[in-house]
């Protein structure tokens, strides 16, 4: 996706960027790093310190939670739960 398309997407589709001036949006886009992730690849972990701010340009992320016992082992009666995020 080219920078013009990214600027348009952010301005029109992402509420946090609606009110940014053209100049600030340009600076933001110039500093962006666009990445791709494989299906089922983790992009964040619950409880981990946030190190970046991400915007999904295409695709459909899901969340997964896995209940653990205090010993760090997955309980047999619980399976991984997946939830599709609606963007």
N, C-alpha and C. Protein backbone atom coordinates (compact mmCIF):
# COMPACT_ATOMS: atom_id res chain seq x y z
N UNK A 1 0.86 -1.17 0.00
CA UNK A 1 0.00 0.00 0.00
C UNK A 1 0.91 1.24 0.00
N UNK A 2 0.65 2.15 -0.89
CA UNK A 2 1.49 3.36 -0.96
C UNK A 2 1.10 4.37 0.12
N UNK A 3 1.97 5.36 0.35
CA UNK A 3 1.74 6.31 1.44
C UNK A 3 0.46 7.12 1.27
N UNK A 4 0.11 7.45 0.05
CA UNK A 4 -1.14 8.20 -0.19
C UNK A 4 -2.35 7.36 0.24
N UNK A 5 -2.33 6.08 -0.11
CA UNK A 5 -3.44 5.20 0.27
C UNK A 5 -3.50 5.02 1.79
N UNK A 6 -2.34 4.93 2.43
CA UNK A 6 -2.31 4.79 3.89
C UNK A 6 -2.86 6.04 4.55
N UNK A 7 -2.46 7.22 4.08
CA UNK A 7 -2.98 8.47 4.65
C UNK A 7 -4.49 8.54 4.50
N UNK A 8 -5.00 8.19 3.34
CA UNK A 8 -6.44 8.21 3.11
C UNK A 8 -7.14 7.24 4.05
N UNK A 9 -6.61 6.03 4.16
CA UNK A 9 -7.19 5.01 5.03
C UNK A 9 -7.24 5.50 6.47
N UNK A 10 -6.12 6.00 6.97
CA UNK A 10 -6.07 6.46 8.36
C UNK A 10 -7.04 7.60 8.61
N UNK A 11 -7.08 8.55 7.72
CA UNK A 11 -7.94 9.74 7.88
C UNK A 11 -9.42 9.37 7.83
N UNK A 12 -9.78 8.45 6.93
CA UNK A 12 -11.20 8.13 6.71
C UNK A 12 -11.71 6.97 7.55
N UNK A 13 -10.85 6.04 7.92
CA UNK A 13 -11.33 4.81 8.56
C UNK A 13 -10.94 4.64 10.02
N UNK A 14 -9.96 5.40 10.50
CA UNK A 14 -9.47 5.22 11.87
C UNK A 14 -9.76 6.49 12.67
N UNK A 15 -10.71 6.38 13.58
CA UNK A 15 -11.18 7.55 14.34
C UNK A 15 -10.09 8.35 15.02
N UNK A 16 -9.07 7.68 15.51
CA UNK A 16 -7.99 8.37 16.22
C UNK A 16 -7.25 9.36 15.33
N UNK A 17 -7.37 9.22 14.02
CA UNK A 17 -6.62 10.07 13.10
C UNK A 17 -7.48 11.08 12.35
N UNK A 18 -8.80 11.08 12.57
CA UNK A 18 -9.71 11.97 11.84
C UNK A 18 -9.33 13.44 11.94
N UNK A 19 -8.95 13.87 13.13
CA UNK A 19 -8.71 15.29 13.36
C UNK A 19 -7.26 15.73 13.18
N UNK A 20 -6.39 14.83 12.75
CA UNK A 20 -5.00 15.23 12.53
C UNK A 20 -4.89 16.14 11.32
N UNK A 21 -4.02 17.13 11.44
CA UNK A 21 -3.77 18.01 10.30
C UNK A 21 -3.04 17.23 9.21
N UNK A 22 -3.08 17.73 8.01
CA UNK A 22 -2.39 17.09 6.89
C UNK A 22 -0.90 16.95 7.19
N UNK A 23 -0.32 17.98 7.81
CA UNK A 23 1.11 17.96 8.12
C UNK A 23 1.45 16.89 9.15
N UNK A 24 0.65 16.79 10.20
CA UNK A 24 0.91 15.79 11.24
C UNK A 24 0.68 14.38 10.70
N UNK A 25 -0.34 14.21 9.88
CA UNK A 25 -0.60 12.91 9.28
C UNK A 25 0.56 12.51 8.38
N UNK A 26 1.10 13.46 7.63
CA UNK A 26 2.25 13.19 6.77
C UNK A 26 3.46 12.73 7.60
N UNK A 27 3.72 13.41 8.70
CA UNK A 27 4.83 13.03 9.58
C UNK A 27 4.63 11.62 10.15
N UNK A 28 3.40 11.34 10.54
CA UNK A 28 3.09 10.01 11.06
C UNK A 28 3.35 8.94 10.01
N UNK A 29 2.84 9.15 8.82
CA UNK A 29 2.99 8.16 7.75
C UNK A 29 4.45 7.97 7.37
N UNK A 30 5.23 9.04 7.38
CA UNK A 30 6.64 8.94 7.06
C UNK A 30 7.39 8.07 8.07
N UNK A 31 6.90 8.02 9.31
CA UNK A 31 7.55 7.22 10.33
C UNK A 31 6.99 5.82 10.51
N UNK A 32 6.00 5.47 9.71
CA UNK A 32 5.37 4.15 9.83
C UNK A 32 6.28 3.04 9.34
N UNK A 33 6.05 1.89 9.92
CA UNK A 33 6.66 0.66 9.42
C UNK A 33 5.50 -0.28 9.12
N UNK A 34 5.32 -0.62 7.86
CA UNK A 34 4.24 -1.52 7.46
C UNK A 34 4.77 -2.94 7.52
N UNK A 35 4.02 -3.80 8.17
CA UNK A 35 4.43 -5.20 8.30
C UNK A 35 3.30 -6.13 7.95
N UNK A 36 3.67 -7.36 7.69
CA UNK A 36 2.69 -8.41 7.41
C UNK A 36 2.86 -9.52 8.43
N UNK A 37 1.78 -10.16 8.75
CA UNK A 37 1.81 -11.24 9.71
C UNK A 37 1.13 -12.45 9.11
N UNK A 38 1.67 -13.62 9.39
CA UNK A 38 1.10 -14.87 8.91
C UNK A 38 -0.17 -15.18 9.69
N UNK A 39 -1.01 -16.00 9.10
CA UNK A 39 -2.21 -16.45 9.80
C UNK A 39 -1.79 -17.12 11.10
N UNK A 40 -2.49 -16.82 12.17
CA UNK A 40 -2.25 -17.37 13.51
C UNK A 40 -0.96 -16.89 14.16
N UNK A 41 -0.28 -15.91 13.58
CA UNK A 41 0.93 -15.37 14.19
C UNK A 41 0.54 -14.36 15.27
N UNK A 42 1.16 -14.46 16.42
CA UNK A 42 0.89 -13.53 17.52
C UNK A 42 1.50 -12.17 17.22
N UNK A 43 0.72 -11.11 17.41
CA UNK A 43 1.22 -9.75 17.23
C UNK A 43 1.28 -9.01 18.56
N UNK A 44 0.67 -9.57 19.59
CA UNK A 44 0.71 -9.00 20.94
C UNK A 44 0.37 -10.11 21.92
N UNK A 45 0.83 -9.93 23.15
CA UNK A 45 0.57 -10.92 24.19
C UNK A 45 -0.05 -10.24 25.40
N UNK A 46 -1.07 -10.85 25.94
CA UNK A 46 -1.77 -10.33 27.11
C UNK A 46 -0.78 -10.13 28.25
N UNK A 47 -0.79 -8.93 28.81
CA UNK A 47 0.07 -8.63 29.94
C UNK A 47 1.45 -8.11 29.57
N UNK A 48 1.82 -8.22 28.30
CA UNK A 48 3.14 -7.73 27.87
C UNK A 48 3.10 -6.21 27.73
N UNK A 49 4.24 -5.57 27.96
CA UNK A 49 4.34 -4.13 27.79
C UNK A 49 4.15 -3.76 26.33
N UNK A 50 3.34 -2.75 26.07
CA UNK A 50 3.13 -2.29 24.70
C UNK A 50 4.38 -1.60 24.19
N UNK A 51 4.82 -1.98 23.01
CA UNK A 51 6.02 -1.37 22.42
C UNK A 51 5.71 -0.66 21.11
N UNK A 52 4.47 -0.78 20.63
CA UNK A 52 4.10 -0.13 19.39
C UNK A 52 2.59 0.08 19.35
N UNK A 53 2.17 0.88 18.41
CA UNK A 53 0.75 1.13 18.17
C UNK A 53 0.45 0.59 16.78
N UNK A 54 -0.46 -0.35 16.70
CA UNK A 54 -0.75 -0.98 15.42
C UNK A 54 -2.10 -0.61 14.87
N UNK A 55 -2.17 -0.56 13.55
CA UNK A 55 -3.42 -0.34 12.84
C UNK A 55 -3.52 -1.44 11.79
N UNK A 56 -4.62 -2.17 11.79
CA UNK A 56 -4.82 -3.23 10.81
C UNK A 56 -5.33 -2.60 9.52
N UNK A 57 -4.54 -2.72 8.45
CA UNK A 57 -4.93 -2.16 7.16
C UNK A 57 -5.80 -3.13 6.37
N UNK A 58 -5.57 -4.40 6.53
CA UNK A 58 -6.40 -5.40 5.85
C UNK A 58 -6.31 -6.71 6.62
N UNK A 59 -7.29 -7.55 6.41
CA UNK A 59 -7.31 -8.83 7.11
C UNK A 59 -8.26 -8.78 8.28
N UNK A 60 -8.28 -9.83 9.02
CA UNK A 60 -9.19 -9.91 10.16
C UNK A 60 -8.49 -10.54 11.35
N UNK A 61 -8.07 -9.73 12.29
CA UNK A 61 -7.40 -10.28 13.47
C UNK A 61 -8.36 -11.04 14.36
N UNK A 62 -7.82 -11.96 15.13
CA UNK A 62 -8.60 -12.68 16.13
C UNK A 62 -7.87 -12.58 17.46
N UNK A 63 -8.61 -12.77 18.53
CA UNK A 63 -7.98 -12.85 19.84
C UNK A 63 -8.07 -14.28 20.32
N UNK A 64 -7.07 -14.70 21.04
CA UNK A 64 -7.09 -16.04 21.62
C UNK A 64 -6.69 -15.93 23.07
N UNK A 65 -7.43 -16.62 23.90
CA UNK A 65 -7.06 -16.70 25.30
C UNK A 65 -6.92 -18.17 25.65
N UNK A 66 -5.99 -18.42 26.52
CA UNK A 66 -5.76 -19.80 26.93
C UNK A 66 -5.70 -19.81 28.46
N UNK A 67 -6.67 -20.45 29.10
CA UNK A 67 -6.65 -20.49 30.56
C UNK A 67 -5.51 -21.37 31.07
N UNK A 68 -4.80 -20.89 32.06
CA UNK A 68 -3.67 -21.64 32.61
C UNK A 68 -3.90 -21.89 34.09
N UNK A 69 -3.29 -22.96 34.60
CA UNK A 69 -3.32 -23.20 36.03
C UNK A 69 -2.20 -22.40 36.66
N UNK A 70 -2.15 -22.36 37.96
CA UNK A 70 -1.10 -21.60 38.63
C UNK A 70 0.27 -22.19 38.36
N UNK A 71 0.34 -23.43 37.93
CA UNK A 71 1.62 -24.06 37.62
C UNK A 71 2.10 -23.79 36.21
N UNK A 72 1.34 -23.00 35.44
CA UNK A 72 1.75 -22.68 34.08
C UNK A 72 1.39 -23.73 33.06
N UNK A 73 0.60 -24.70 33.45
CA UNK A 73 0.18 -25.76 32.52
C UNK A 73 -1.27 -25.53 32.10
N UNK A 74 -1.56 -25.82 30.84
CA UNK A 74 -2.93 -25.67 30.37
C UNK A 74 -3.78 -26.76 31.00
N UNK A 75 -4.96 -26.38 31.49
CA UNK A 75 -5.84 -27.36 32.10
C UNK A 75 -6.49 -28.20 31.01
N UNK A 76 -6.72 -29.47 31.31
CA UNK A 76 -7.29 -30.38 30.32
C UNK A 76 -8.72 -30.03 29.97
N UNK A 77 -9.45 -29.47 30.93
CA UNK A 77 -10.86 -29.18 30.67
C UNK A 77 -11.08 -27.89 29.89
N UNK A 78 -10.02 -27.12 29.63
CA UNK A 78 -10.14 -25.88 28.88
C UNK A 78 -9.38 -25.99 27.57
N UNK A 79 -9.96 -25.49 26.53
CA UNK A 79 -9.26 -25.45 25.25
C UNK A 79 -9.05 -23.99 24.87
N UNK A 80 -8.21 -23.76 23.89
CA UNK A 80 -7.96 -22.40 23.43
C UNK A 80 -9.25 -21.82 22.88
N UNK A 81 -9.57 -20.58 23.25
CA UNK A 81 -10.77 -19.91 22.76
C UNK A 81 -10.35 -18.85 21.75
N UNK A 82 -11.05 -18.80 20.64
CA UNK A 82 -10.74 -17.84 19.59
C UNK A 82 -11.96 -16.97 19.35
N UNK A 83 -11.73 -15.67 19.16
CA UNK A 83 -12.81 -14.75 18.88
C UNK A 83 -12.40 -13.86 17.72
N UNK A 84 -13.23 -13.78 16.70
CA UNK A 84 -12.99 -12.92 15.54
C UNK A 84 -13.33 -11.48 15.92
N UNK A 85 -12.42 -10.56 15.60
CA UNK A 85 -12.68 -9.15 15.86
C UNK A 85 -13.36 -8.52 14.66
N UNK A 86 -14.39 -7.78 14.89
CA UNK A 86 -15.10 -7.09 13.81
C UNK A 86 -14.58 -5.66 13.72
N UNK A 87 -13.97 -5.33 12.60
CA UNK A 87 -13.41 -3.99 12.42
C UNK A 87 -14.29 -3.19 11.50
